[in-house]
Amino acid sequence: MTGTAETLDAVLDPASFERWPESSDSVVAGAGTVAGTRVAVLLGDYSVHGGSIGVEASGRLAGAIRRATAERLPLLASPRSAGTRMQDGTRAFVGMLPITAAVTAHRRAGLPYLVWLRDPVFGGVLASWGSQGHVTAAEPGARIGFLGPRVVEALRGAGMPAGVQTAENLHRNGLVDRVLPLAQLRGAVGKLLGLLDTTAEPAAVEPGCPAAEPVGEPDAATAVARSRDPGRPGVRDVVADAGLRIAELHGTGRGETGPAVLLALADLGGARCVLIGQDRAAQADGHPVGPAELRVVRRGIALADELWLPIVTVVDSDGGELSVRAEEGGLAAEVGGCLMDLTSVTCLKVAVLLGQGAGGTAIALLAADRVLAARHAWLAPLPPEGASTILHGRPDRAPEMAAAQRIRAHDLARAGFVHRIVDERPDAAAEPQAFARRLVRAVGAELSALRLQTEGSPTNMKRESIR
């Protein structure tokens, strides 16, 4: 169990903590710096009534969150609590409402809300301010849940199975982004604050990335074959080969994981963004893009919208999950939901067609201000074999269908859907690092151009005035 003073000493710069009068008996509130960046902190003090939140504590806690919002500070919350204080009865229970309202207002102001759950966190504390983080981590072995095990046993006659209410199990089920020991907390918070700093000036895009690069046109069959090469780099390869700084997030935050989608906060050479990419390696390993993956996508879109970050989506899908689970999980509805979310948010959006682009799970990520495509990428309502089967009754006319449907990046560019083709020399599998750097430069150039175009837009001016 990690104590309050121990946590403060580990995460904040030495002698930087300033205790606020909004502190209560069971919550320490204040501000300090992490690697020089000022941040508000809220920590549950388990030594006082088991960290429970009573009437006075709930009012003070909500006030501290509102102060952080007024001072435009990122907020690090670290609950450690048995829940609502039973001695204060219903009055303490309804104190969840102003706490949650304060957290909501903080997030809607475009300010980061980071959570590190310590052992234990239960009940109303978990629900109101422990489970609402943009990014949530937990200390190893922490007991976390809706109700504590003794109460569960008393009310239901049997306890919760061993291992269910643990940080590790919550991570496996997509409720916690990371299980993080205290020794790594300061570095992780500092990295996140850097990636979420939207006031930083993006670095100038390095030269050598013109608006239109000379690229040869492969025929459709060649493009499809190259896109399916097992050695072709996927989104995780691009991240590694380009040396990008990212903080990966895990799952939907609502009880699901989506292995075939990478969701991360990323720094593309100075341009901070939310990166959402379909992972070809995970799909090849038996994890197709299904409803859970698209709910991970929607988490990323909402995160970018709240934090006023650009969105970069990467499409590389051989088609959606074909199963009873996918149908009952609402795959088609989630495709539509992704499109609705992307078309309704006002943040800048760049989409990258990296390789295969088959069906609804591909188009779900392509509603963007600018669309880039790798030379051998393609987009179609079905894989060519599926289209051939529908029209000709057999799959062997796939090359003919690929040409007839104009699925190539060059066809999409001529139709006005793709705005830039990123070259492969001769293909991405042959030059993964050079291709990755070329692609990232191209994305950075598009983001820079979009930023210049929107600096005077009403939405941007409104957001700047709020800052």
Protein backbone atom coordinates (compact mmCIF):
# COMPACT_ATOMS: atom_id res chain seq x y z
CA MET A 1 0.00 0.00 0.00
CA THR A 2 1.47 3.32 -1.08
CA GLY A 3 0.98 6.24 1.31
CA THR A 4 0.14 9.84 0.49
CA ALA A 5 3.47 11.41 1.45
CA GLU A 6 5.35 8.64 -0.34
CA THR A 7 3.37 9.29 -3.52
CA LEU A 8 3.91 13.06 -3.39
CA ASP A 9 7.65 12.62 -2.89
CA ALA A 10 7.89 10.16 -5.75
CA VAL A 11 5.93 12.07 -8.40
CA LEU A 12 6.60 15.77 -7.73
CA ASP A 13 9.79 17.77 -8.10
CA PRO A 14 11.53 18.27 -4.74
CA ALA A 15 10.05 20.99 -2.50
CA SER A 16 7.47 21.94 -5.15
CA PHE A 17 4.29 20.85 -3.37
CA GLU A 18 1.90 23.57 -2.19
CA ARG A 19 -0.97 22.30 -0.03
CA TRP A 20 -4.31 23.91 -0.78
CA PRO A 21 -6.89 24.86 1.85
CA GLU A 22 -9.35 22.70 -0.10
CA SER A 23 -7.66 19.66 1.48
CA SER A 24 -9.94 17.68 3.78
CA ASP A 25 -9.47 15.06 6.45
CA SER A 26 -9.20 12.21 3.89
CA VAL A 27 -8.04 13.99 0.72
CA VAL A 28 -4.80 15.92 0.25
CA ALA A 29 -5.18 18.63 -2.39
CA GLY A 30 -2.57 20.96 -3.81
CA ALA A 31 -0.23 21.70 -6.67
CA GLY A 32 3.38 21.05 -7.54
CA THR A 33 5.59 20.49 -10.54
CA VAL A 34 6.51 17.39 -12.50
CA ALA A 35 9.68 17.97 -14.52
CA GLY A 36 8.94 21.69 -14.26
CA THR A 37 5.31 21.51 -15.36
CA ARG A 38 2.80 22.70 -12.78
CA VAL A 39 0.08 20.18 -12.03
CA ALA A 40 -2.74 19.90 -9.48
CA VAL A 41 -2.78 16.76 -7.33
CA LEU A 42 -5.51 15.01 -5.34
CA LEU A 43 -4.58 12.08 -3.14
CA GLY A 44 -6.77 9.96 -0.90
CA ASP A 45 -5.39 9.53 2.63
CA TYR A 46 -6.22 6.00 3.76
CA SER A 47 -4.98 6.68 7.27
CA VAL A 48 -8.07 8.82 7.92
CA HIS A 49 -11.26 6.74 8.11
CA GLY A 50 -9.96 4.41 5.40
CA GLY A 51 -9.80 7.31 2.94
CA SER A 52 -13.60 7.44 2.91
CA ILE A 53 -15.31 10.54 1.54
CA GLY A 54 -17.72 12.24 3.91
CA VAL A 55 -19.91 15.31 3.51
CA GLU A 56 -17.17 17.88 4.13
CA ALA A 57 -14.57 15.93 2.17
CA SER A 58 -16.80 15.69 -0.92
CA GLY A 59 -17.39 19.45 -0.95
CA ARG A 60 -13.71 20.22 -0.53
CA LEU A 61 -12.71 17.68 -3.16
CA ALA A 62 -15.12 19.18 -5.71
CA GLY A 63 -13.77 22.63 -4.82
CA ALA A 64 -10.18 21.52 -5.40
CA ILE A 65 -11.08 20.16 -8.83
CA ARG A 66 -12.83 23.44 -9.71
CA ARG A 67 -9.74 25.35 -8.57
CA ALA A 68 -7.53 23.24 -10.83
CA THR A 69 -9.89 24.02 -13.70
CA ALA A 70 -9.90 27.76 -12.95
CA GLU A 71 -6.09 27.81 -12.85
CA ARG A 72 -5.99 25.69 -16.05
CA LEU A 73 -3.84 22.99 -14.48
CA PRO A 74 -3.56 19.37 -15.52
CA LEU A 75 -4.83 17.21 -12.68
CA LEU A 76 -3.32 14.03 -11.26
CA ALA A 77 -5.80 12.17 -9.07
CA SER A 78 -4.65 9.26 -6.91
CA PRO A 79 -7.55 7.82 -4.92
CA ARG A 80 -7.02 5.36 -2.09
CA SER A 81 -10.29 4.78 -0.34
CA ALA A 82 -12.81 2.29 0.95
CA GLY A 83 -15.57 4.44 -0.59
CA THR A 84 -18.29 6.72 0.71
CA ARG A 85 -18.25 7.34 4.47
CA MET A 86 -21.04 5.29 6.04
CA GLN A 87 -21.11 7.45 9.16
CA ASP A 88 -22.33 10.39 7.05
CA GLY A 89 -25.03 8.34 5.36
CA THR A 90 -26.90 9.52 2.30
CA ARG A 91 -25.52 13.06 2.53
CA ALA A 92 -22.07 11.70 1.75
CA PHE A 93 -23.46 9.42 -0.95
CA VAL A 94 -25.00 12.31 -2.92
CA GLY A 95 -21.66 14.10 -2.61
CA MET A 96 -20.64 11.98 -5.61
CA LEU A 97 -22.70 14.31 -7.80
CA PRO A 98 -20.71 17.57 -7.38
CA ILE A 99 -17.42 15.64 -7.55
CA THR A 100 -18.36 14.07 -10.87
CA ALA A 101 -19.67 17.39 -12.18
CA ALA A 102 -16.35 19.04 -11.32
CA VAL A 103 -14.38 16.28 -13.09
CA THR A 104 -16.63 16.64 -16.15
CA ALA A 105 -16.11 20.41 -16.27
CA HIS A 106 -12.34 19.96 -15.96
CA ARG A 107 -12.26 17.55 -18.88
CA ARG A 108 -14.54 19.71 -21.01
CA ALA A 109 -12.19 22.63 -20.48
CA GLY A 110 -9.59 20.66 -22.47
CA LEU A 111 -7.46 19.90 -19.40
CA PRO A 112 -5.80 16.52 -18.81
CA TYR A 113 -7.23 14.38 -16.02
CA LEU A 114 -4.80 11.60 -15.12
CA VAL A 115 -5.54 8.88 -12.57
CA TRP A 116 -3.25 6.54 -10.64
CA LEU A 117 -5.27 4.12 -8.49
CA ARG A 118 -3.65 2.96 -5.26
CA ASP A 119 -4.60 0.03 -3.08
CA PRO A 120 -7.53 -0.07 -2.35
CA VAL A 121 -10.18 1.91 -4.27
CA PHE A 122 -13.84 0.95 -3.96
CA GLY A 123 -17.37 2.24 -4.27
CA GLY A 124 -18.33 5.84 -4.82
CA VAL A 125 -14.72 7.05 -4.89
CA LEU A 126 -13.93 4.75 -7.82
CA ALA A 127 -17.14 5.73 -9.61
CA SER A 128 -16.97 9.50 -9.12
CA TRP A 129 -13.30 10.44 -9.51
CA GLY A 130 -11.31 7.22 -9.84
CA SER A 131 -12.70 5.89 -13.10
CA GLN A 132 -13.03 9.03 -15.22
CA GLY A 133 -9.44 9.67 -16.28
CA HIS A 134 -8.31 10.44 -19.79
CA VAL A 135 -5.53 8.00 -18.89
CA THR A 136 -5.79 5.58 -15.96
CA ALA A 137 -3.05 3.54 -14.33
CA ALA A 138 -2.99 1.48 -11.15
CA GLU A 139 -0.31 0.27 -8.78
CA PRO A 140 0.52 -3.43 -8.95
CA GLY A 141 -1.76 -5.61 -6.87
CA ALA A 142 -4.17 -2.81 -6.07
CA ARG A 143 -7.65 -3.95 -5.03
CA ILE A 144 -10.17 -2.05 -7.11
CA GLY A 145 -13.89 -2.58 -7.48
CA PHE A 146 -17.51 -1.53 -7.22
CA LEU A 147 -17.92 -2.94 -3.69
CA GLY A 148 -15.37 -4.35 -1.28
CA PRO A 149 -15.15 -8.13 -0.89
CA ARG A 150 -16.56 -8.23 2.65
CA VAL A 151 -19.63 -6.26 1.60
CA VAL A 152 -20.13 -8.43 -1.48
CA GLU A 153 -20.05 -11.55 0.67
CA ALA A 154 -22.45 -10.07 3.22
CA LEU A 155 -24.96 -8.99 0.58
CA ARG A 156 -24.74 -11.96 -1.80
CA GLY A 157 -23.68 -14.80 0.47
CA ALA A 158 -20.50 -15.46 -1.50
CA GLY A 159 -17.39 -13.42 -2.10
CA MET A 160 -15.98 -12.30 -5.40
CA PRO A 161 -13.69 -14.88 -7.06
CA ALA A 162 -10.03 -14.36 -6.28
CA GLY A 163 -8.17 -12.05 -8.62
CA VAL A 164 -11.20 -10.30 -10.10
CA GLN A 165 -10.90 -7.02 -8.22
CA THR A 166 -7.23 -6.42 -8.99
CA ALA A 167 -5.33 -3.90 -11.07
CA GLU A 168 -3.97 -6.66 -13.28
CA ASN A 169 -7.40 -8.09 -14.08
CA LEU A 170 -8.81 -4.64 -14.80
CA HIS A 171 -5.94 -4.09 -17.21
CA ARG A 172 -6.63 -7.39 -18.95
CA ASN A 173 -10.23 -6.26 -19.43
CA GLY A 174 -9.47 -2.81 -20.81
CA LEU A 175 -10.44 -0.78 -17.73
CA VAL A 176 -6.91 0.31 -16.81
CA ASP A 177 -4.37 1.52 -19.35
CA ARG A 178 -1.34 0.35 -17.44
CA VAL A 179 -0.24 -1.33 -14.22
CA LEU A 180 2.42 1.06 -13.00
CA PRO A 181 4.69 0.83 -9.95
CA LEU A 182 5.40 3.94 -7.90
CA ALA A 183 9.01 4.09 -9.11
CA GLN A 184 7.80 4.67 -12.68
CA LEU A 185 5.01 7.12 -11.88
CA ARG A 186 6.97 10.35 -12.21
CA GLY A 187 8.43 9.43 -15.58
CA ALA A 188 5.06 8.30 -16.90
CA VAL A 189 3.28 11.47 -15.75
CA GLY A 190 6.02 13.66 -17.19
CA LYS A 191 5.81 11.88 -20.53
CA LEU A 192 2.01 12.21 -20.65
CA LEU A 193 2.12 15.90 -19.77
CA GLY A 194 4.60 16.44 -22.60
CA LEU A 195 2.43 14.58 -25.10
CA LEU A 196 -0.66 16.49 -23.96
CA ASP A 197 0.94 19.93 -24.08
CA THR A 198 -1.04 21.55 -26.87
CA THR A 199 0.54 24.96 -26.18
CA ALA A 200 3.93 23.79 -27.42
CA GLU A 201 4.92 25.00 -30.86
CA PRO A 202 5.25 22.06 -33.27
CA ALA A 203 8.61 21.62 -34.86
CA ALA A 204 9.02 22.75 -38.44
CA VAL A 205 8.48 19.95 -40.92
CA GLU A 206 11.85 18.87 -42.23
CA PRO A 207 12.51 19.61 -45.89
CA GLY A 208 12.36 17.00 -48.57
CA CYS A 209 8.64 16.26 -48.35
CA PRO A 210 7.02 18.11 -51.25
CA ALA A 211 3.27 18.31 -51.73
CA ALA A 212 3.34 15.87 -54.62
CA GLU A 213 6.00 13.18 -54.81
CA PRO A 214 6.76 11.41 -58.10
CA VAL A 215 5.46 7.88 -57.70
CA GLY A 216 4.95 5.19 -60.27
CA GLU A 217 1.56 3.55 -60.68
CA PRO A 218 1.45 -0.18 -59.90
CA ASP A 219 -1.32 -2.20 -61.47
CA ALA A 220 -4.16 -3.19 -59.12
CA ALA A 221 -3.10 -6.81 -58.73
CA THR A 222 0.44 -5.78 -57.82
CA ALA A 223 -0.83 -3.26 -55.29
CA VAL A 224 -3.01 -5.86 -53.59
CA ALA A 225 -0.19 -8.40 -53.52
CA ARG A 226 2.29 -5.91 -52.07
CA SER A 227 -0.24 -4.78 -49.44
CA ARG A 228 -0.55 -8.38 -48.27
CA ASP A 229 3.17 -9.06 -48.01
CA PRO A 230 3.80 -10.48 -44.50
CA GLY A 231 6.94 -8.35 -44.35
CA ARG A 232 5.10 -5.10 -45.01
CA PRO A 233 5.36 -2.66 -42.08
CA GLY A 234 2.21 -2.06 -40.04
CA VAL A 235 1.37 0.83 -37.78
CA ARG A 236 3.50 -0.44 -34.89
CA ASP A 237 6.45 -0.91 -37.23
CA VAL A 238 6.05 2.65 -38.51
CA VAL A 239 6.05 3.94 -34.93
CA ALA A 240 9.22 2.01 -34.11
CA ASP A 241 11.04 2.65 -37.39
CA ALA A 242 10.33 6.39 -37.29
CA GLY A 243 11.37 6.61 -33.63
CA LEU A 244 8.08 8.17 -32.55
CA ARG A 245 7.45 9.03 -28.92
CA ILE A 246 4.10 7.55 -27.86
CA ALA A 247 2.13 6.61 -24.76
CA GLU A 248 -0.06 3.65 -25.60
CA LEU A 249 -3.54 3.40 -24.09
CA HIS A 250 -5.28 0.10 -23.48
CA GLY A 251 -8.84 -0.89 -24.21
CA THR A 252 -12.09 0.98 -24.24
CA GLY A 253 -11.95 2.01 -20.59
CA ARG A 254 -15.35 0.33 -20.31
CA GLY A 255 -14.50 -3.35 -19.97
CA GLU A 256 -13.24 -4.35 -23.42
CA THR A 257 -9.92 -4.67 -25.15
CA GLY A 258 -9.37 -4.31 -28.88
CA PRO A 259 -6.04 -5.96 -29.77
CA ALA A 260 -6.30 -5.08 -33.48
CA VAL A 261 -6.23 -1.32 -32.84
CA LEU A 262 -3.33 0.76 -31.53
CA LEU A 263 -4.51 3.78 -29.53
CA ALA A 264 -1.81 6.15 -28.34
CA LEU A 265 -0.90 9.71 -27.54
CA ALA A 266 1.87 10.50 -29.98
CA ASP A 267 4.45 13.11 -30.90
CA LEU A 268 5.01 13.21 -34.66
CA GLY A 269 8.15 15.28 -34.68
CA GLY A 270 6.65 18.01 -32.49
CA ALA A 271 3.03 17.65 -33.58
CA ARG A 272 1.07 16.10 -30.71
CA CYS A 273 -1.88 13.96 -31.72
CA VAL A 274 -4.06 11.01 -30.87
CA LEU A 275 -2.88 8.11 -33.03
CA ILE A 276 -5.44 5.43 -33.89
CA GLY A 277 -4.20 2.63 -36.11
CA GLN A 278 -5.39 -0.77 -37.27
CA ASP A 279 -2.66 -3.28 -36.42
CA ARG A 280 -2.01 -5.75 -39.25
CA ALA A 281 0.17 -7.96 -37.02
CA ALA A 282 -2.63 -8.46 -34.50
CA GLN A 283 -5.08 -9.27 -37.30
CA ALA A 284 -2.67 -11.82 -38.74
CA ASP A 285 -2.41 -13.33 -35.25
CA GLY A 286 -6.14 -14.05 -35.11
CA HIS A 287 -7.58 -10.77 -33.85
CA PRO A 288 -9.77 -9.27 -36.57
CA VAL A 289 -11.19 -5.76 -36.31
CA GLY A 290 -14.45 -6.19 -34.43
CA PRO A 291 -16.88 -4.12 -32.36
CA ALA A 292 -14.47 -3.80 -29.43
CA GLU A 293 -11.74 -2.44 -31.70
CA LEU A 294 -14.12 0.19 -33.05
CA ARG A 295 -15.12 1.16 -29.52
CA VAL A 296 -11.41 1.68 -28.82
CA VAL A 297 -11.38 3.94 -31.89
CA ARG A 298 -14.32 5.89 -30.51
CA ARG A 299 -12.54 6.30 -27.18
CA GLY A 300 -9.62 7.84 -29.05
CA ILE A 301 -11.86 10.23 -30.99
CA ALA A 302 -13.55 11.41 -27.79
CA LEU A 303 -10.16 11.83 -26.11
CA ALA A 304 -8.85 13.99 -28.95
CA ASP A 305 -12.00 16.08 -28.98
CA GLU A 306 -11.81 16.80 -25.25
CA LEU A 307 -8.09 17.53 -25.22
CA TRP A 308 -8.14 19.52 -28.48
CA LEU A 309 -5.58 17.28 -30.13
CA PRO A 310 -5.44 16.36 -33.83
CA ILE A 311 -6.42 12.82 -34.81
CA VAL A 312 -4.26 10.65 -37.05
CA THR A 313 -5.96 7.42 -38.14
CA VAL A 314 -4.16 4.58 -39.89
CA VAL A 315 -6.16 2.12 -41.99
CA ASP A 316 -4.75 -1.34 -42.62
CA SER A 317 -7.55 -3.90 -42.45
CA ASP A 318 -8.31 -7.02 -44.45
CA GLY A 319 -11.94 -6.79 -43.38
CA GLY A 320 -14.07 -6.82 -40.26
CA GLU A 321 -14.68 -9.71 -37.89
CA LEU A 322 -17.10 -12.24 -39.35
CA SER A 323 -18.66 -13.96 -36.36
CA VAL A 324 -21.76 -14.25 -34.21
CA ARG A 325 -19.95 -12.24 -31.55
CA ALA A 326 -19.34 -9.38 -33.99
CA GLU A 327 -22.95 -9.35 -35.17
CA GLU A 328 -24.34 -9.41 -31.64
CA GLY A 329 -21.76 -6.87 -30.55
CA GLY A 330 -23.00 -4.35 -33.11
CA LEU A 331 -20.17 -4.23 -35.66
CA ALA A 332 -22.20 -2.34 -38.26
CA ALA A 333 -23.48 0.12 -35.65
CA GLU A 334 -19.93 0.76 -34.45
CA VAL A 335 -18.77 1.48 -38.03
CA GLY A 336 -21.52 4.08 -38.26
CA GLY A 337 -20.66 5.38 -34.80
CA CYS A 338 -17.01 5.93 -35.78
CA LEU A 339 -18.10 7.84 -38.87
CA MET A 340 -20.55 9.96 -36.89
CA ASP A 341 -17.92 10.72 -34.26
CA LEU A 342 -15.24 11.65 -36.79
CA THR A 343 -17.55 13.88 -38.80
CA SER A 344 -18.87 15.67 -35.72
CA VAL A 345 -15.64 16.55 -33.89
CA THR A 346 -13.90 19.81 -34.74
CA CYS A 347 -10.29 18.76 -34.19
CA LEU A 348 -7.93 18.38 -37.16
CA LYS A 349 -8.04 14.93 -38.76
CA VAL A 350 -5.53 13.21 -41.04
CA ALA A 351 -6.14 9.66 -42.26
CA VAL A 352 -3.52 7.32 -43.68
CA LEU A 353 -4.38 4.40 -45.95
CA LEU A 354 -1.34 2.29 -45.12
CA GLY A 355 -2.09 -1.04 -46.76
CA GLN A 356 -5.29 -3.03 -47.14
CA GLY A 357 -8.55 -1.14 -46.91
CA ALA A 358 -11.33 -3.71 -47.06
CA GLY A 359 -14.91 -2.98 -46.11
CA GLY A 360 -16.65 -1.04 -43.40
CA THR A 361 -13.91 -1.35 -40.81
CA ALA A 362 -11.62 0.50 -43.21
CA ILE A 363 -13.99 3.30 -44.15
CA ALA A 364 -14.80 3.76 -40.45
CA LEU A 365 -11.43 5.52 -39.96
CA LEU A 366 -11.32 7.54 -43.18
CA ALA A 367 -13.51 10.56 -42.43
CA ALA A 368 -10.74 13.17 -42.34
CA ASP A 369 -9.70 16.62 -43.51
CA ARG A 370 -6.85 15.09 -45.48
CA VAL A 371 -6.28 11.50 -46.62
CA LEU A 372 -2.85 10.09 -47.46
CA ALA A 373 -2.19 6.74 -49.07
CA ALA A 374 0.89 4.61 -49.43
CA ARG A 375 1.72 3.76 -53.03
CA HIS A 376 0.46 0.16 -52.77
CA ALA A 377 -2.53 0.86 -50.54
CA TRP A 378 -6.07 0.26 -51.72
CA LEU A 379 -9.67 0.72 -50.64
CA ALA A 380 -12.69 -1.38 -51.60
CA PRO A 381 -16.08 -2.40 -50.20
CA LEU A 382 -14.85 -6.00 -50.13
CA PRO A 383 -11.54 -7.76 -50.78
CA PRO A 384 -11.27 -8.37 -54.54
CA GLU A 385 -11.99 -12.09 -54.05
CA GLY A 386 -15.29 -11.24 -52.37
CA ALA A 387 -16.29 -8.84 -55.13
CA SER A 388 -15.41 -11.49 -57.74
CA THR A 389 -17.56 -14.05 -55.95
CA ILE A 390 -20.56 -11.71 -55.88
CA LEU A 391 -20.35 -10.73 -59.54
CA HIS A 392 -18.93 -13.87 -61.14
CA GLY A 393 -19.76 -16.64 -58.71
CA ARG A 394 -16.13 -17.49 -58.02
CA PRO A 395 -13.10 -15.71 -56.48
CA ASP A 396 -10.56 -16.31 -59.26
CA ARG A 397 -11.41 -13.10 -61.13
CA ALA A 398 -10.13 -10.98 -58.25
CA PRO A 399 -7.38 -9.21 -60.31
CA GLU A 400 -9.97 -8.18 -62.89
CA MET A 401 -12.29 -6.90 -60.18
CA ALA A 402 -9.51 -4.94 -58.47
CA ALA A 403 -8.80 -3.10 -61.72
CA ALA A 404 -12.45 -2.55 -62.60
CA GLN A 405 -13.36 -1.17 -59.17
CA ARG A 406 -10.49 1.39 -59.24
CA ILE A 407 -9.30 0.51 -55.77
CA ARG A 408 -5.68 1.75 -56.08
CA ALA A 409 -4.25 4.78 -54.30
CA HIS A 410 -3.77 6.47 -57.67
CA ASP A 411 -7.40 5.85 -58.63
CA LEU A 412 -8.50 7.32 -55.31
CA ALA A 413 -6.28 10.35 -55.87
CA ARG A 414 -7.76 10.99 -59.31
CA ALA A 415 -11.23 10.75 -57.78
CA GLY A 416 -10.27 13.44 -55.26
CA PHE A 417 -10.53 11.22 -52.18
CA VAL A 418 -6.79 10.82 -51.56
CA HIS A 419 -4.84 14.07 -51.28
CA ARG A 420 -1.29 12.71 -51.24
CA ILE A 421 0.44 9.48 -52.22
CA VAL A 422 3.49 8.50 -50.18
CA ASP A 423 6.04 6.67 -52.29
CA GLU A 424 7.45 3.18 -51.66
CA ARG A 425 10.87 2.56 -53.19
CA PRO A 426 10.16 0.01 -54.56
CA ASP A 427 7.83 -1.09 -51.76
CA ALA A 428 7.54 -0.46 -48.02
CA ALA A 429 8.71 -3.96 -47.09
CA ALA A 430 12.03 -3.31 -48.82
CA GLU A 431 12.76 -0.01 -47.04
CA PRO A 432 10.74 0.06 -43.80
CA GLN A 433 12.71 2.75 -41.97
CA ALA A 434 12.95 5.13 -44.91
CA PHE A 435 9.28 4.59 -45.68
CA ALA A 436 8.28 5.21 -42.06
CA ARG A 437 10.19 8.49 -41.91
CA ARG A 438 8.75 9.57 -45.28
CA LEU A 439 5.22 8.79 -44.11
CA VAL A 440 5.59 10.61 -40.80
CA ARG A 441 7.00 13.67 -42.56
CA ALA A 442 4.03 13.66 -44.92
CA VAL A 443 1.54 13.44 -42.03
CA GLY A 444 3.36 16.25 -40.22
CA ALA A 445 3.22 18.42 -43.33
CA GLU A 446 -0.53 17.88 -43.66
CA LEU A 447 -1.12 18.70 -39.99
CA SER A 448 0.95 21.87 -40.32
CA ALA A 449 -0.98 22.94 -43.40
CA LEU A 450 -4.31 22.26 -41.72
CA ARG A 451 -3.26 24.17 -38.62
CA LEU A 452 -2.40 27.22 -40.71
CA GLN A 453 -5.73 26.99 -42.52
CA THR A 454 -7.74 26.84 -39.31
CA GLU A 455 -5.93 29.37 -37.11
CA GLY A 456 -8.60 31.99 -37.74
CA SER A 457 -11.60 29.66 -37.69
CA PRO A 458 -14.44 30.45 -35.26
CA THR A 459 -13.97 27.12 -33.45
CA ASN A 460 -10.26 27.66 -32.96
CA MET A 461 -10.78 31.24 -31.78
CA LYS A 462 -13.37 30.06 -29.27
CA ARG A 463 -11.05 27.43 -27.90
CA GLU A 464 -8.13 29.83 -27.70
CA SER A 465 -10.29 32.28 -25.76
CA ILE A 466 -11.09 29.54 -23.24
CA ARG A 467 -7.41 28.86 -22.75
